[in-house]
Amino acid sequence: MDLTPGWYIIKRDSDASCEILEVPAAEPIAMLEATTENAGRRHWGPFASPQEAIAKRVGLIRAGHCAPR
């Protein structure tokens, strides 16, 4: 994953739901990428605000790309 600071939607492999995560500018992006649970996952973003990410997540659920929680 090539992540820049902002808000992201990351699809979970276990239940196909999508969660919204913030990647702060002050934290190293490699830290998020290096975790086993995030490796190879599908993601969307970055979004400028959590509201934009929420709106996109709703669209992904409606389109069948993410399962609702």
C-alpha atoms as a PDB file:
ATOM      1  CA  MET A   1       0.000   0.000   0.000  1.00  0.00           C
ATOM      2  CA  ASP A   2       1.295   3.427  -0.837  1.00  0.00           C
ATOM      3  CA  LEU A   3      -0.442   5.597   1.758  1.00  0.00           C
ATOM      4  CA  THR A   4      -0.126   9.338   2.218  1.00  0.00           C
ATOM      5  CA  PRO A   5      -1.560  11.201   5.226  1.00  0.00           C
ATOM      6  CA  GLY A   6      -5.352  11.427   5.274  1.00  0.00           C
ATOM      7  CA  TRP A   7      -8.428   9.245   5.826  1.00  0.00           C
ATOM      8  CA  TYR A   8      -8.622   5.793   4.231  1.00  0.00           C
ATOM      9  CA  ILE A   9     -11.177   3.037   3.822  1.00  0.00           C
ATOM     10  CA  ILE A  10      -9.583  -0.374   4.295  1.00  0.00           C
ATOM     11  CA  LYS A  11     -11.451  -3.592   3.510  1.00  0.00           C
ATOM     12  CA  ARG A  12     -11.140  -6.351   6.121  1.00  0.00           C
ATOM     13  CA  ASP A  13     -10.443  -9.818   4.768  1.00  0.00           C
ATOM     14  CA  SER A  14     -12.213 -11.599   7.616  1.00  0.00           C
ATOM     15  CA  ASP A  15     -15.746 -10.289   7.112  1.00  0.00           C
ATOM     16  CA  ALA A  16     -15.474  -8.051   4.005  1.00  0.00           C
ATOM     17  CA  SER A  17     -16.482  -4.982   6.013  1.00  0.00           C
ATOM     18  CA  CYS A  18     -14.657  -1.711   5.494  1.00  0.00           C
ATOM     19  CA  GLU A  19     -13.213   0.414   8.258  1.00  0.00           C
ATOM     20  CA  ILE A  20     -12.157   4.039   8.151  1.00  0.00           C
ATOM     21  CA  LEU A  21      -8.654   4.787   9.399  1.00  0.00           C
ATOM     22  CA  GLU A  22      -6.774   8.034   9.797  1.00  0.00           C
ATOM     23  CA  VAL A  23      -3.143   8.106   8.743  1.00  0.00           C
ATOM     24  CA  PRO A  24      -1.664  11.169  10.474  1.00  0.00           C
ATOM     25  CA  ALA A  25       1.039  13.190   8.740  1.00  0.00           C
ATOM     26  CA  ALA A  26       3.282  12.898  11.799  1.00  0.00           C
ATOM     27  CA  GLU A  27       3.297   9.087  11.862  1.00  0.00           C
ATOM     28  CA  PRO A  28       5.367   6.974   9.495  1.00  0.00           C
ATOM     29  CA  ILE A  29       3.257   5.437   6.755  1.00  0.00           C
ATOM     30  CA  ALA A  30       5.492   2.359   6.756  1.00  0.00           C
ATOM     31  CA  MET A  31       4.186   1.499  10.233  1.00  0.00           C
ATOM     32  CA  LEU A  32       0.657   0.955   8.889  1.00  0.00           C
ATOM     33  CA  GLU A  33       1.893  -0.872   5.798  1.00  0.00           C
ATOM     34  CA  ALA A  34       4.155  -3.185   7.783  1.00  0.00           C
ATOM     35  CA  THR A  35       1.424  -4.747   9.901  1.00  0.00           C
ATOM     36  CA  THR A  36       0.443  -8.202   8.728  1.00  0.00           C
ATOM     37  CA  GLU A  37      -3.247  -7.469   9.035  1.00  0.00           C
ATOM     38  CA  ASN A  38      -3.033  -4.616   6.496  1.00  0.00           C
ATOM     39  CA  ALA A  39      -0.758  -6.315   3.953  1.00  0.00           C
ATOM     40  CA  GLY A  40      -2.406  -6.835   0.582  1.00  0.00           C
ATOM     41  CA  ARG A  41      -5.728  -5.340   1.582  1.00  0.00           C
ATOM     42  CA  ARG A  42      -7.814  -3.281  -0.778  1.00  0.00           C
ATOM     43  CA  HIS A  43      -8.070   0.380   0.181  1.00  0.00           C
ATOM     44  CA  TRP A  44      -9.547   3.654  -1.031  1.00  0.00           C
ATOM     45  CA  GLY A  45      -8.299   7.148  -0.295  1.00  0.00           C
ATOM     46  CA  PRO A  46      -6.844   9.386   0.911  1.00  0.00           C
ATOM     47  CA  PHE A  47      -9.832  11.546   1.752  1.00  0.00           C
ATOM     48  CA  ALA A  48      -9.502  15.042   3.216  1.00  0.00           C
ATOM     49  CA  SER A  49     -12.057  14.523   5.981  1.00  0.00           C
ATOM     50  CA  PRO A  50     -13.797  11.698   7.822  1.00  0.00           C
ATOM     51  CA  GLN A  51     -17.100  12.864   6.305  1.00  0.00           C
ATOM     52  CA  GLU A  52     -15.777  12.268   2.788  1.00  0.00           C
ATOM     53  CA  ALA A  53     -14.560   8.803   3.806  1.00  0.00           C
ATOM     54  CA  ILE A  54     -17.936   7.961   5.352  1.00  0.00           C
ATOM     55  CA  ALA A  55     -19.769   9.035   2.195  1.00  0.00           C
ATOM     56  CA  LYS A  56     -17.451   6.894   0.055  1.00  0.00           C
ATOM     57  CA  ARG A  57     -17.881   3.902   2.412  1.00  0.00           C
ATOM     58  CA  VAL A  58     -21.675   4.180   2.065  1.00  0.00           C
ATOM     59  CA  GLY A  59     -21.244   4.136  -1.712  1.00  0.00           C
ATOM     60  CA  LEU A  60     -18.957   1.089  -1.514  1.00  0.00           C
ATOM     61  CA  ILE A  61     -21.530  -0.754   0.608  1.00  0.00           C
ATOM     62  CA  ARG A  62     -24.311   0.095  -1.850  1.00  0.00           C
ATOM     63  CA  ALA A  63     -22.139  -1.047  -4.767  1.00  0.00           C
ATOM     64  CA  GLY A  64     -21.411  -4.357  -3.033  1.00  0.00           C
ATOM     65  CA  HIS A  65     -17.676  -3.774  -2.508  1.00  0.00           C
ATOM     66  CA  CYS A  66     -17.997  -3.720   1.292  1.00  0.00           C
ATOM     67  CA  ALA A  67     -20.300  -5.520   3.681  1.00  0.00           C
ATOM     68  CA  PRO A  68     -22.199  -3.427   6.234  1.00  0.00           C
ATOM     69  CA  ARG A  69     -21.266  -4.053   9.843  1.00  0.00           C
END
